[in-house]
C-alpha atoms as a PDB file:
ATOM      1  CA  MET A   1      -0.294  -9.120  -2.670  1.00  0.00           C
ATOM      2  CA  SER A   2       0.017  -7.618  -6.499  1.00  0.00           C
ATOM      3  CA  ASN A   3       2.383  -9.987  -8.547  1.00  0.00           C
ATOM      4  CA  SER A   4       4.196  -6.541  -9.107  1.00  0.00           C
ATOM      5  CA  PRO A   5       6.170  -4.509  -6.873  1.00  0.00           C
ATOM      6  CA  TYR A   6       4.784  -1.400  -5.859  1.00  0.00           C
ATOM      7  CA  LEU A   7       5.977   1.735  -3.856  1.00  0.00           C
ATOM      8  CA  PHE A   8       3.341   3.821  -1.909  1.00  0.00           C
ATOM      9  CA  CYS A   9       4.325   7.244  -0.189  1.00  0.00           C
ATOM     10  CA  LEU A  10       2.949   9.276   2.510  1.00  0.00           C
ATOM     11  CA  TYR A  11       3.765  12.770   2.985  1.00  0.00           C
ATOM     12  CA  ALA A  12       3.408  14.652   6.157  1.00  0.00           C
ATOM     13  CA  GLU A  13       4.718  17.314   8.445  1.00  0.00           C
ATOM     14  CA  ASP A  14       6.275  15.128  11.021  1.00  0.00           C
ATOM     15  CA  VAL A  15       6.351  11.617  12.132  1.00  0.00           C
ATOM     16  CA  ARG A  16       7.160  10.371  15.790  1.00  0.00           C
ATOM     17  CA  GLN A  17       8.223   6.753  16.814  1.00  0.00           C
ATOM     18  CA  GLU A  18       5.968   6.222  20.025  1.00  0.00           C
ATOM     19  CA  ILE A  19       7.710   4.382  23.053  1.00  0.00           C
ATOM     20  CA  THR A  20       5.024   1.661  22.521  1.00  0.00           C
ATOM     21  CA  GLY A  21       6.658   1.143  19.008  1.00  0.00           C
ATOM     22  CA  GLN A  22       3.673   2.791  17.058  1.00  0.00           C
ATOM     23  CA  MET A  23       4.277   5.598  14.411  1.00  0.00           C
ATOM     24  CA  SER A  24       2.256   8.778  14.807  1.00  0.00           C
ATOM     25  CA  ILE A  25       2.026  10.589  11.581  1.00  0.00           C
ATOM     26  CA  ILE A  26       1.321  14.430  12.092  1.00  0.00           C
ATOM     27  CA  GLY A  27      -0.088  16.837   9.505  1.00  0.00           C
ATOM     28  CA  ALA A  28      -0.647  14.082   6.536  1.00  0.00           C
ATOM     29  CA  PHE A  29      -0.836  16.063   3.190  1.00  0.00           C
ATOM     30  CA  GLN A  30      -3.835  14.908   1.244  1.00  0.00           C
ATOM     31  CA  GLY A  31      -4.079  15.939  -2.292  1.00  0.00           C
ATOM     32  CA  GLY A  32      -1.116  18.099  -2.427  1.00  0.00           C
ATOM     33  CA  LEU A  33       0.732  21.001  -0.792  1.00  0.00           C
ATOM     34  CA  ARG A  34      -0.461  24.650  -1.039  1.00  0.00           C
ATOM     35  CA  VAL A  35       1.955  27.472  -0.160  1.00  0.00           C
ATOM     36  CA  PRO A  36       1.175  30.948  -0.188  1.00  0.00           C
ATOM     37  CA  SER A  37       4.006  32.435  -1.962  1.00  0.00           C
ATOM     38  CA  VAL A  38       7.358  31.333  -2.908  1.00  0.00           C
ATOM     39  CA  PRO A  39      10.528  31.021  -1.782  1.00  0.00           C
ATOM     40  CA  THR A  40       9.518  29.432   1.472  1.00  0.00           C
ATOM     41  CA  HIS A  41      10.449  26.530   3.615  1.00  0.00           C
ATOM     42  CA  LEU A  42       8.323  24.024   5.918  1.00  0.00           C
ATOM     43  CA  PRO A  43       9.862  23.648   9.228  1.00  0.00           C
ATOM     44  CA  LYS A  44       9.766  19.722   8.842  1.00  0.00           C
ATOM     45  CA  LEU A  45       8.858  17.255   6.194  1.00  0.00           C
ATOM     46  CA  ALA A  46       8.426  13.717   6.327  1.00  0.00           C
ATOM     47  CA  ILE A  47       7.942  10.892   3.861  1.00  0.00           C
ATOM     48  CA  ILE A  48       6.741   7.486   4.569  1.00  0.00           C
ATOM     49  CA  ALA A  49       7.530   5.134   1.985  1.00  0.00           C
ATOM     50  CA  ASN A  50       6.181   1.792   1.878  1.00  0.00           C
ATOM     51  CA  LEU A  51       7.954  -0.796  -0.401  1.00  0.00           C
ATOM     52  CA  ARG A  52       6.110  -3.879  -1.437  1.00  0.00           C
ATOM     53  CA  MET A  53       7.407  -6.889  -3.622  1.00  0.00           C
ATOM     54  CA  PRO A  54       5.812 -10.355  -4.164  1.00  0.00           C
ATOM     55  CA  SER A  55       7.863 -13.264  -2.715  1.00  0.00           C
ATOM     56  CA  GLU A  56       9.301 -14.807  -6.033  1.00  0.00           C
ATOM     57  CA  LYS A  57      11.130 -11.335  -6.314  1.00  0.00           C
ATOM     58  CA  ALA A  58      13.662 -11.104  -3.594  1.00  0.00           C
ATOM     59  CA  PRO A  59      15.740  -7.996  -3.881  1.00  0.00           C
ATOM     60  CA  SER A  60      19.510  -8.128  -3.725  1.00  0.00           C
ATOM     61  CA  SER A  61      19.920  -4.473  -3.795  1.00  0.00           C
ATOM     62  CA  VAL A  62      17.603  -1.724  -2.908  1.00  0.00           C
ATOM     63  CA  LYS A  63      17.939   2.189  -3.055  1.00  0.00           C
ATOM     64  CA  LEU A  64      15.556   4.748  -2.491  1.00  0.00           C
ATOM     65  CA  GLU A  65      15.614   8.526  -3.713  1.00  0.00           C
ATOM     66  CA  VAL A  66      13.573  11.538  -3.222  1.00  0.00           C
ATOM     67  CA  HIS A  67      13.437  13.645  -6.200  1.00  0.00           C
ATOM     68  CA  ARG A  68      12.146  17.265  -6.719  1.00  0.00           C
ATOM     69  CA  ASP A  69      11.617  18.192 -10.254  1.00  0.00           C
ATOM     70  CA  GLY A  70      14.383  15.664 -11.306  1.00  0.00           C
ATOM     71  CA  GLU A  71      16.821  16.774  -8.612  1.00  0.00           C
ATOM     72  CA  VAL A  72      17.911  13.801  -6.124  1.00  0.00           C
ATOM     73  CA  LEU A  73      17.368  15.365  -2.690  1.00  0.00           C
ATOM     74  CA  GLN A  74      18.194  12.360  -0.550  1.00  0.00           C
ATOM     75  CA  ALA A  75      19.168   8.599  -1.505  1.00  0.00           C
ATOM     76  CA  ILE A  76      19.102   5.656   1.004  1.00  0.00           C
ATOM     77  CA  GLU A  77      20.654   2.336   0.501  1.00  0.00           C
ATOM     78  CA  PRO A  78      20.145  -0.144   3.204  1.00  0.00           C
ATOM     79  CA  PRO A  79      22.834  -2.166   4.245  1.00  0.00           C
ATOM     80  CA  PRO A  80      23.053  -5.990   2.846  1.00  0.00           C
ATOM     81  CA  GLU A  81      21.998  -7.227   6.643  1.00  0.00           C
ATOM     82  CA  PHE A  82      18.984  -5.537   6.356  1.00  0.00           C
ATOM     83  CA  LEU A  83      17.929  -6.869   3.026  1.00  0.00           C
ATOM     84  CA  GLN A  84      18.802 -10.490   4.176  1.00  0.00           C
ATOM     85  CA  SER A  85      16.436  -9.939   7.345  1.00  0.00           C
ATOM     86  CA  VAL A  86      13.611  -9.093   5.004  1.00  0.00           C
ATOM     87  CA  ILE A  87      14.395 -11.920   2.611  1.00  0.00           C
ATOM     88  CA  LYS A  88      14.717 -14.340   5.306  1.00  0.00           C
ATOM     89  CA  GLN A  89      10.914 -13.468   6.654  1.00  0.00           C
ATOM     90  CA  PRO A  90       8.596 -12.832   3.962  1.00  0.00           C
ATOM     91  CA  ARG A  91       4.923 -11.951   5.000  1.00  0.00           C
ATOM     92  CA  VAL A  92       2.592 -15.203   4.657  1.00  0.00           C
ATOM     93  CA  GLY A  93      -0.977 -15.009   4.186  1.00  0.00           C
ATOM     94  CA  LEU A  94      -2.843 -12.467   2.143  1.00  0.00           C
ATOM     95  CA  ASP A  95       0.017 -10.354   1.703  1.00  0.00           C
ATOM     96  CA  ASP A  96       2.498 -12.656   0.741  1.00  0.00           C
ATOM     97  CA  GLY A  97       5.749 -11.129  -0.011  1.00  0.00           C
ATOM     98  CA  TYR A  98       8.588  -8.848   1.135  1.00  0.00           C
ATOM     99  CA  ALA A  99       7.578  -5.373   2.620  1.00  0.00           C
ATOM    100  CA  MET A 100      10.337  -2.739   3.666  1.00  0.00           C
ATOM    101  CA  GLN A 101       8.954   1.123   5.378  1.00  0.00           C
ATOM    102  CA  PHE A 102      11.272   4.065   4.878  1.00  0.00           C
ATOM    103  CA  VAL A 103      10.714   7.030   6.604  1.00  0.00           C
ATOM    104  CA  VAL A 104      12.866   9.984   5.179  1.00  0.00           C
ATOM    105  CA  GLY A 105      12.919  13.194   7.186  1.00  0.00           C
ATOM    106  CA  PHE A 106      13.724  16.967   6.277  1.00  0.00           C
ATOM    107  CA  ALA A 107      14.158  19.860   8.659  1.00  0.00           C
ATOM    108  CA  GLY A 108      13.737  23.359   7.177  1.00  0.00           C
ATOM    109  CA  PHE A 109      12.537  21.960   3.802  1.00  0.00           C
ATOM    110  CA  PRO A 110      13.173  24.549   1.385  1.00  0.00           C
ATOM    111  CA  VAL A 111      10.472  25.251  -1.462  1.00  0.00           C
ATOM    112  CA  PRO A 112      11.834  27.458  -3.917  1.00  0.00           C
ATOM    113  CA  ALA A 113       9.046  27.089  -6.347  1.00  0.00           C
ATOM    114  CA  ALA A 114       6.111  25.195  -7.361  1.00  0.00           C
ATOM    115  CA  GLY A 115       6.917  21.331  -8.434  1.00  0.00           C
ATOM    116  CA  LYS A 116       6.603  17.952  -7.506  1.00  0.00           C
ATOM    117  CA  LEU A 117       8.204  15.632  -5.131  1.00  0.00           C
ATOM    118  CA  GLU A 118       8.535  11.822  -5.957  1.00  0.00           C
ATOM    119  CA  VAL A 119      10.058   9.130  -4.232  1.00  0.00           C
ATOM    120  CA  ARG A 120      11.806   6.107  -6.629  1.00  0.00           C
ATOM    121  CA  ALA A 121      12.991   2.987  -5.625  1.00  0.00           C
ATOM    122  CA  MET A 122      15.442   1.024  -7.459  1.00  0.00           C
ATOM    123  CA  ILE A 123      15.218  -2.783  -6.870  1.00  0.00           C
ATOM    124  CA  ASP A 124      17.843  -4.646  -8.816  1.00  0.00           C
ATOM    125  CA  SER A 125      17.403  -3.325 -12.300  1.00  0.00           C
ATOM    126  CA  VAL A 126      13.800  -2.156 -11.804  1.00  0.00           C
ATOM    127  CA  VAL A 127      12.684   1.501 -11.158  1.00  0.00           C
ATOM    128  CA  LEU A 128       9.411   2.049  -9.199  1.00  0.00           C
ATOM    129  CA  ARG A 129       7.856   5.456  -9.025  1.00  0.00           C
ATOM    130  CA  GLY A 130       5.866   6.183  -5.930  1.00  0.00           C
ATOM    131  CA  ASN A 131       2.892   8.550  -5.946  1.00  0.00           C
ATOM    132  CA  SER A 132       3.966  12.231  -5.706  1.00  0.00           C
ATOM    133  CA  LEU A 133       3.268  15.436  -3.511  1.00  0.00           C
ATOM    134  CA  GLU A 134       2.562  18.399  -5.904  1.00  0.00           C
ATOM    135  CA  ILE A 135       3.448  21.866  -4.357  1.00  0.00           C
ATOM    136  CA  THR A 136       1.292  24.449  -5.646  1.00  0.00           C
ATOM    137  CA  VAL A 137       1.331  28.510  -5.051  1.00  0.00           C
ATOM    138  CA  GLY A 138      -1.740  30.306  -4.233  1.00  0.00           C
ATOM    139  CA  ASP A 139      -3.989  31.509  -1.546  1.00  0.00           C
ATOM    140  CA  VAL A 140      -4.101  29.096   1.379  1.00  0.00           C
ATOM    141  CA  PRO A 141      -6.911  28.872   4.232  1.00  0.00           C
ATOM    142  CA  PRO A 142      -6.145  30.877   7.045  1.00  0.00           C
ATOM    143  CA  ALA A 143      -5.898  27.387   9.196  1.00  0.00           C
ATOM    144  CA  THR A 144      -2.396  26.873   7.543  1.00  0.00           C
ATOM    145  CA  VAL A 145       0.455  27.640  10.027  1.00  0.00           C
ATOM    146  CA  GLY A 146       4.066  26.912  10.142  1.00  0.00           C
ATOM    147  CA  LEU A 147       5.095  28.173   6.691  1.00  0.00           C
ATOM    148  CA  LYS A 148       7.385  30.776   6.639  1.00  0.00           C
ATOM    149  CA  SER A 149       8.659  33.077   3.505  1.00  0.00           C
ATOM    150  CA  GLU A 150      12.093  33.642   2.847  1.00  0.00           C
END
């Protein structure tokens, strides 16, 4: 693991928890999201945020925020008990350190205009920016389904 903390996000149409404990990711957005027109909305939007921290920097507080062009759409703060459970069991091996995964879901996600979605993690006094999802407006291939103009 890197000596620096990092945040990697995967944006998709849906995420499902299987009875086997596995996670199924449905309709991952690669290279951004293009909608035919705005305003519109997505029936569902899921963000899988993977937060990794080196073992010498055990977090005392973590807050995750989803931003759209500077506006906070959702904020998550895991309870202290969750952080303590992560700190007690750091990953050992090539990936030494602490790992947390957050799944953030939206139903009827509005897309008022072209823009950018970004996830930020505040770990103690450090702000990490995850990779973003760029939303553009224009012609989309005929295979694109599930978008409804308002």
